[in-house]
Each structure stands twice: as structure tokens, then as C-alpha cells.
Amino acid sequence: MNIKQLEHFLAVAEEGSIAAAAPRAHLTQPALTRSIQALETQVGFTLFDRHTRGVVLTAMGHLVLDRAKRILFEANCLERDLLLVQKHEMGRVRFGLGPHAAPIFLADALIALHREWPKLEVTAEVNDGGLLMNGLREERFDFVVVDHRFVPTSTDLAVRRLANEHTGCFVRAGHPLIGQEMSLAQLRHSPFASVPLPESVRANLRKAFGCRPGEDLQFQVESNDFRVLVLLASCADVILLAPLRAVAAEVAGGTLVQLPLPQSFKLAARFEIVHLAGRTLSPAAERAVSAVESVDRMGTTTF
């Protein structure tokens, strides 16, 4: 068997039919059928049960599929690494950041990368942490920067921890709550604006705000566009949940005011840089990771 045969086999397995897989494999249906038949002859087993609506993997087909994915992954890594050796200083990096991580790290990281490596091609996507982790596993990103609660414990992931970020509640200047002696009960009945949060974070917030069983905070507005949430909080009577560094410029400029909370109330976010453990980061990706880590060490951002 060879790499092309495994690629053809994977295409048919994932598409569910020869007809659907043929364009992906850049073959005619008869040619793809012959390739699959040749592979089945070599392994000595039927890999697909044929039906009028397509094909279904046999038990041996599932076994071959698991191994084929690993073989093709390593083959792609080898091809990528050889290409990187040839290109040296030229490169491309693709990474993703969660909506809270982006306003903290992205601007300064991009500035540093462009200043030091102006020919580097950079694609940075801001999105939900769960979607970014899916994209990482699908190899659409070299690495992602997400809240640690989106990162499962897994041997196929390599994780670099960043510093904890102090998190608080922020409102517009002139908000009715400013200057009041607030209780957690008063706060938890106020409307909140936030990026979408995993259930584990929501559970921690309910506990921190002292919610009763079955009671939840009022997340009136949720959006992955954090800058829109900042604009909303600066104009409307909502409470913005955010890491302090994500709104440092607005707080310094007086657009947003941090609400004083009881000493017992503590919120924190921790971000992690995550990449696939079975894949060596390219020089370009290492540069981008270093840029994010440098911003983390600085403790401030430029806007």
C-alpha cells in the first residue's frame, strides 16, 4: 500500500460514497474504485460494505482507518517540515484566540511580528474557544490561545500556561450602581454582557454571586465580538464581565469603571497556548507563540 491509496481510502470513508469522494481524490469514480479494490487486495480484507446509497466501513475498515489517519498525519508533518527547511526565513502562521484573549494579546503580538518579521504571513482568527479547539484538531491552526477550561487533558495536546488574568465587573461612567454599597444579591439581579461562557464558568459565577439552586445570572447580551460588548457597556446599563487587561484602555480613559466587589469575591481567567503534541511548530509559529508570551510577560497592552 502507499500514501495515495490511504488518502483515497480516507476520502471514501469520510465522504461515505465513491461518487462523493471522487472529486476530493481528483479521480474518476472507476479509477477511485480500482484504487480501493487494490488496497483491499493488498490487506486481504474487505474494507467497505457496498450499498446502493454508498459504503460503510467494515470492522477491518475501522482498524485501517485509525492507522491510516496517523500515517497520513505523520506524512503531512514530514512534508511540512521539509518545506520549512527549504524556506528558512519565509513563513506563514495561522492561529486563533478566544474573544477574551484577543484584546489582551492580539494587537501587541501582531505589532511585534510585523516589526521583526515583516514578510511573515499571519492569519489570526478570533472565535469561541470550543470552535478554536476543533479547528486545532482539524489542523486549521498552528496553535490557539484559549481559556484553560476549553482545553481537555489529552496526550495529543501540548499546553503552555500563561499568567492568571484578574477579572471583574465593569460599567459605564454614570451607571446607577456606581457609588452605591452593593451586595452580591443586588449584582446578580442586574443584566450582564459577556462572551459566551462554558458551563463550568457559569457554575463558578453562580457560586461566586451566591445564586440559589435553580437561579442564574441574567446574561442579557452574549457575543463573541468583545469590542461590541465594550461599546455596549459604555452606552447602556449592563455589567460587562471581562479580564481587566482586556478593558485597560477604557478604564484608563474613564469610559468604563470597575465596580468594587467584596473581598471574598474573586474572579480570574487563565489562558493557555495550545498546539498539537505530535506536530513540531514551524519557525513562524514559534515566533508567534514567543510574541504572545512576550505580551503576557509585559502585563500591559498597546491600543
Protein backbone atom coordinates (compact mmCIF):
# COMPACT_ATOMS: atom_id res chain seq x y z
CA MET A 1 0.00 0.00 0.00
CA ASN A 2 1.08 3.61 -0.47
CA ILE A 3 0.18 7.10 0.77
CA LYS A 4 -2.10 7.80 -2.20
CA GLN A 5 -4.11 4.65 -1.55
CA LEU A 6 -4.54 5.62 2.09
CA GLU A 7 -5.65 9.11 1.06
CA HIS A 8 -8.20 7.56 -1.30
CA PHE A 9 -9.39 5.20 1.43
CA LEU A 10 -9.76 8.09 3.92
CA ALA A 11 -11.70 10.18 1.39
CA VAL A 12 -14.21 7.37 0.75
CA ALA A 13 -14.55 6.63 4.49
CA GLU A 14 -15.25 10.27 5.34
CA GLU A 15 -17.48 11.06 2.35
CA GLY A 16 -19.48 7.83 2.57
CA SER A 17 -19.51 7.01 -1.13
CA ILE A 18 -17.24 6.62 -4.14
CA ALA A 19 -19.20 9.28 -6.02
CA ALA A 20 -18.77 11.87 -3.27
CA ALA A 21 -15.10 11.03 -2.67
CA ALA A 22 -14.00 11.05 -6.33
CA PRO A 23 -13.80 14.87 -6.71
CA ARG A 24 -11.92 15.15 -3.42
CA ALA A 25 -9.42 12.50 -4.59
CA HIS A 26 -9.18 14.14 -8.04
CA LEU A 27 -10.06 10.82 -9.69
CA THR A 28 -12.87 9.43 -11.77
CA GLN A 29 -15.21 7.06 -9.95
CA PRO A 30 -13.86 3.97 -11.81
CA ALA A 31 -10.26 4.96 -11.00
CA LEU A 32 -11.09 5.50 -7.33
CA THR A 33 -12.93 2.17 -7.21
CA ARG A 34 -9.85 0.40 -8.63
CA SER A 35 -7.62 2.09 -6.04
CA ILE A 36 -9.86 0.89 -3.17
CA GLN A 37 -10.06 -2.61 -4.62
CA ALA A 38 -6.26 -2.76 -4.96
CA LEU A 39 -5.90 -1.72 -1.31
CA GLU A 40 -8.39 -4.37 -0.20
CA THR A 41 -6.46 -6.98 -2.18
CA GLN A 42 -3.19 -5.95 -0.51
CA VAL A 43 -4.55 -6.03 3.04
CA GLY A 44 -6.51 -9.21 2.39
CA PHE A 45 -9.80 -7.94 3.82
CA THR A 46 -12.93 -6.17 2.64
CA LEU A 47 -12.77 -2.63 3.98
CA PHE A 48 -16.17 -1.38 2.85
CA ASP A 49 -19.61 -2.94 2.61
CA ARG A 50 -21.20 -1.63 -0.58
CA HIS A 51 -24.81 -0.43 -0.58
CA THR A 52 -26.99 1.39 -3.08
CA ARG A 53 -26.62 4.61 -1.11
CA GLY A 54 -22.90 4.39 -0.57
CA VAL A 55 -20.39 2.46 1.51
CA VAL A 56 -20.00 1.55 5.19
CA LEU A 57 -16.75 0.61 6.90
CA THR A 58 -16.35 -2.99 7.98
CA ALA A 59 -14.70 -3.90 11.28
CA MET A 60 -11.35 -4.22 9.49
CA GLY A 61 -12.09 -0.96 7.72
CA HIS A 62 -12.32 0.83 11.08
CA LEU A 63 -8.97 -0.67 12.11
CA VAL A 64 -7.31 0.51 8.90
CA LEU A 65 -8.96 3.94 9.23
CA ASP A 66 -7.41 4.60 12.64
CA ARG A 67 -3.93 3.65 11.41
CA ALA A 68 -4.34 5.48 8.10
CA LYS A 69 -5.15 8.75 9.88
CA ARG A 70 -1.98 8.50 11.96
CA ILE A 71 0.16 7.59 8.95
CA LEU A 72 -1.20 10.47 6.87
CA PHE A 73 -0.77 12.88 9.78
CA GLU A 74 2.90 11.96 10.09
CA ALA A 75 3.37 12.11 6.31
CA ASN A 76 1.89 15.62 6.23
CA CYS A 77 4.14 16.67 9.10
CA LEU A 78 7.20 15.37 7.24
CA GLU A 79 6.25 17.19 4.05
CA ARG A 80 5.62 20.38 6.01
CA ASP A 81 8.92 20.21 7.91
CA LEU A 82 10.92 19.62 4.72
CA LEU A 83 9.27 22.62 3.11
CA LEU A 84 10.08 24.77 6.17
CA VAL A 85 13.75 23.79 5.93
CA GLN A 86 13.80 24.96 2.32
CA LYS A 87 12.12 28.32 3.01
CA HIS A 88 14.14 29.39 6.05
CA GLU A 89 13.08 32.96 6.82
CA MET A 90 9.87 32.98 4.81
CA GLY A 91 6.86 31.50 6.51
CA ARG A 92 3.18 31.54 7.35
CA VAL A 93 1.41 31.15 10.65
CA ARG A 94 -2.26 30.54 11.42
CA PHE A 95 -3.51 30.89 14.98
CA GLY A 96 -6.73 31.56 16.86
CA LEU A 97 -7.62 33.47 20.01
CA GLY A 98 -10.67 33.37 22.23
CA PRO A 99 -12.74 36.60 22.48
CA HIS A 100 -11.26 37.49 25.89
CA ALA A 101 -7.69 36.60 24.91
CA ALA A 102 -7.76 38.61 21.68
CA PRO A 103 -7.99 42.13 23.20
CA ILE A 104 -5.18 41.25 25.61
CA PHE A 105 -2.67 39.63 23.27
CA LEU A 106 -3.51 40.11 19.61
CA ALA A 107 -2.63 43.74 18.88
CA ASP A 108 0.80 43.71 20.55
CA ALA A 109 1.64 40.28 19.16
CA LEU A 110 0.84 41.38 15.60
CA ILE A 111 2.81 44.60 16.03
CA ALA A 112 5.87 42.67 17.24
CA LEU A 113 5.62 40.09 14.46
CA HIS A 114 5.28 42.71 11.73
CA ARG A 115 8.10 44.80 13.16
CA GLU A 116 10.59 41.94 13.44
CA TRP A 117 9.45 39.67 10.56
CA PRO A 118 7.67 41.92 8.03
CA LYS A 119 7.49 39.15 5.39
CA LEU A 120 5.73 36.73 7.70
CA GLU A 121 2.19 35.86 6.55
CA VAL A 122 -0.17 35.88 9.52
CA THR A 123 -3.76 34.69 9.76
CA ALA A 124 -5.35 35.31 13.17
CA GLU A 125 -8.94 34.27 13.91
CA VAL A 126 -10.97 35.37 16.93
CA ASN A 127 -13.68 32.88 17.83
CA ASP A 128 -15.31 30.77 20.52
CA GLY A 129 -12.82 28.64 22.47
CA GLY A 130 -14.57 25.37 21.68
CA LEU A 131 -14.62 26.10 17.95
CA LEU A 132 -10.94 27.04 18.04
CA MET A 133 -10.05 23.75 19.71
CA ASN A 134 -11.96 21.90 17.00
CA GLY A 135 -10.05 23.87 14.38
CA LEU A 136 -6.76 22.99 16.04
CA ARG A 137 -7.56 19.28 15.91
CA GLU A 138 -8.53 19.68 12.26
CA GLU A 139 -5.10 21.32 11.70
CA ARG A 140 -6.58 24.65 10.57
CA PHE A 141 -4.42 26.40 13.18
CA ASP A 142 -0.81 26.07 14.24
CA PHE A 143 -1.84 26.99 17.78
CA VAL A 144 -4.67 28.64 19.71
CA VAL A 145 -4.86 30.87 22.79
CA VAL A 146 -7.96 30.00 24.81
CA ASP A 147 -9.31 29.88 28.34
CA HIS A 148 -7.92 26.79 30.08
CA ARG A 149 -11.42 25.45 30.67
CA PHE A 150 -11.76 24.77 26.95
CA VAL A 151 -8.63 22.58 26.98
CA PRO A 152 -9.18 18.90 27.81
CA THR A 153 -6.46 16.83 29.44
CA SER A 154 -5.10 14.87 26.49
CA THR A 155 -1.75 13.43 25.45
CA ASP A 156 -2.19 14.76 21.91
CA LEU A 157 -2.16 18.39 23.11
CA ALA A 158 0.85 20.45 24.18
CA VAL A 159 -0.01 23.29 26.56
CA ARG A 160 1.90 26.40 27.64
CA ARG A 161 0.28 28.21 30.55
CA LEU A 162 0.03 31.99 30.66
CA ALA A 163 -0.36 34.16 33.75
CA ASN A 164 -3.69 34.45 35.52
CA GLU A 165 -5.75 37.47 34.48
CA HIS A 166 -7.68 39.44 37.08
CA THR A 167 -11.33 39.59 36.05
CA GLY A 168 -14.03 41.96 37.19
CA CYS A 169 -17.32 43.71 36.56
CA PHE A 170 -17.28 46.92 34.52
CA VAL A 171 -19.95 49.53 33.84
CA ARG A 172 -20.23 52.85 32.04
CA ALA A 173 -19.32 56.10 33.73
CA GLY A 174 -22.52 57.35 35.36
CA HIS A 175 -24.02 53.89 35.82
CA PRO A 176 -26.61 53.83 38.67
CA LEU A 177 -24.58 51.25 40.60
CA ILE A 178 -21.52 53.47 40.88
CA GLY A 179 -21.12 54.91 44.37
CA GLN A 180 -23.56 52.50 45.95
CA GLU A 181 -22.70 49.98 48.61
CA MET A 182 -23.52 46.92 46.58
CA SER A 183 -24.40 43.43 47.70
CA LEU A 184 -23.88 40.30 45.62
CA ALA A 185 -27.65 39.84 45.66
CA GLN A 186 -28.08 43.23 44.01
CA LEU A 187 -25.45 42.45 41.41
CA ARG A 188 -26.78 39.05 40.46
CA HIS A 189 -30.16 40.55 39.59
CA SER A 190 -28.56 43.07 37.21
CA PRO A 191 -28.23 42.49 33.44
CA PHE A 192 -24.82 41.20 32.31
CA ALA A 193 -23.00 41.29 28.98
CA SER A 194 -20.36 38.68 28.25
CA VAL A 195 -18.75 36.50 25.65
CA PRO A 196 -20.31 33.00 25.57
CA LEU A 197 -19.03 31.10 28.60
CA PRO A 198 -18.63 27.34 29.11
CA GLU A 199 -20.98 25.80 31.65
CA SER A 200 -18.13 25.28 34.12
CA VAL A 201 -17.51 29.03 34.19
CA ARG A 202 -21.20 29.77 34.57
CA ALA A 203 -21.35 27.37 37.51
CA ASN A 204 -18.41 29.14 39.18
CA LEU A 205 -20.07 32.51 38.61
CA ARG A 206 -23.34 31.31 40.12
CA LYS A 207 -21.43 30.13 43.16
CA ALA A 208 -19.40 33.35 43.41
CA PHE A 209 -22.53 35.51 43.21
CA GLY A 210 -24.33 33.34 45.74
CA CYS A 211 -27.13 32.22 43.42
CA ARG A 212 -29.72 29.94 44.93
CA PRO A 213 -30.39 26.48 43.44
CA GLY A 214 -32.04 26.94 40.04
CA GLU A 215 -31.17 30.65 39.95
CA ASP A 216 -28.95 32.01 37.15
CA LEU A 217 -27.34 35.30 36.31
CA GLN A 218 -29.09 37.48 33.71
CA PHE A 219 -26.86 37.29 30.65
CA GLN A 220 -28.82 39.83 28.65
CA VAL A 221 -26.26 40.04 25.82
CA GLU A 222 -23.75 37.41 24.71
CA SER A 223 -21.42 37.86 21.75
CA ASN A 224 -18.01 36.69 20.56
CA ASP A 225 -17.33 40.24 19.37
CA PHE A 226 -15.80 41.59 22.54
CA ARG A 227 -15.27 45.11 21.20
CA VAL A 228 -19.01 45.38 20.54
CA LEU A 229 -19.67 44.32 24.14
CA VAL A 230 -17.29 47.04 25.35
CA LEU A 231 -19.14 49.63 23.24
CA LEU A 232 -22.48 48.39 24.59
CA ALA A 233 -21.30 48.56 28.19
CA SER A 234 -20.05 52.12 27.65
CA CYS A 235 -23.51 53.21 26.46
CA ALA A 236 -26.03 51.02 28.28
CA ASP A 237 -26.77 49.93 31.85
CA VAL A 238 -25.30 46.44 31.61
CA ILE A 239 -22.46 44.93 33.59
CA LEU A 240 -19.56 43.70 31.47
CA LEU A 241 -17.72 40.63 32.73
CA ALA A 242 -14.14 40.81 31.47
CA PRO A 243 -10.45 40.43 32.33
CA LEU A 244 -9.02 43.76 33.48
CA ARG A 245 -6.34 43.86 30.77
CA ALA A 246 -8.99 43.40 28.08
CA VAL A 247 -10.56 46.77 29.03
CA ALA A 248 -7.45 48.52 30.37
CA ALA A 249 -7.65 51.33 27.81
CA GLU A 250 -11.34 52.01 28.53
CA VAL A 251 -10.78 52.02 32.30
CA ALA A 252 -7.76 54.33 31.96
CA GLY A 253 -9.77 56.67 29.74
CA GLY A 254 -12.77 56.72 32.09
CA THR A 255 -15.17 55.13 29.59
CA LEU A 256 -15.62 52.13 31.85
CA VAL A 257 -15.49 51.92 35.64
CA GLN A 258 -14.68 48.77 37.60
CA LEU A 259 -17.25 48.00 40.25
CA PRO A 260 -15.82 47.35 43.73
CA LEU A 261 -16.64 43.83 44.83
CA PRO A 262 -16.45 42.19 48.27
CA GLN A 263 -13.01 40.88 49.25
CA SER A 264 -14.40 37.36 49.29
CA PHE A 265 -15.43 37.67 45.64
CA LYS A 266 -12.58 36.70 43.32
CA LEU A 267 -12.72 36.15 39.58
CA ALA A 268 -9.79 35.13 37.41
CA ALA A 269 -9.18 33.92 33.88
CA ARG A 270 -6.26 31.78 32.78
CA PHE A 271 -5.30 31.42 29.17
CA GLU A 272 -3.22 28.70 27.59
CA ILE A 273 -1.33 28.39 24.33
CA VAL A 274 -2.25 25.02 22.85
CA HIS A 275 -0.88 23.13 19.86
CA LEU A 276 -0.83 19.52 18.71
CA ALA A 277 1.75 17.49 20.62
CA GLY A 278 2.52 15.30 17.62
CA ARG A 279 3.45 18.23 15.44
CA THR A 280 6.60 20.36 15.62
CA LEU A 281 5.73 24.04 15.45
CA SER A 282 7.11 25.81 12.41
CA PRO A 283 9.66 28.60 12.95
CA ALA A 284 6.90 31.08 12.06
CA ALA A 285 4.53 29.58 14.63
CA GLU A 286 7.28 29.61 17.28
CA ARG A 287 7.82 33.31 16.56
CA ALA A 288 4.11 33.98 17.01
CA VAL A 289 4.00 31.97 20.25
CA SER A 290 7.01 33.93 21.54
CA ALA A 291 5.23 37.18 20.68
CA VAL A 292 2.16 36.14 22.70
CA GLU A 293 4.36 35.08 25.62
CA SER A 294 6.18 38.44 25.49
CA VAL A 295 2.86 40.29 25.75
CA ASP A 296 1.96 38.05 28.69
CA ARG A 297 5.19 38.99 30.46
CA MET A 298 4.71 42.71 29.79
CA GLY A 299 1.41 42.75 31.66
CA THR A 300 0.11 45.67 29.57
CA THR A 301 -1.23 46.08 26.07
CA THR A 302 -0.99 48.76 23.43
CA PHE A 303 -4.19 50.02 21.79
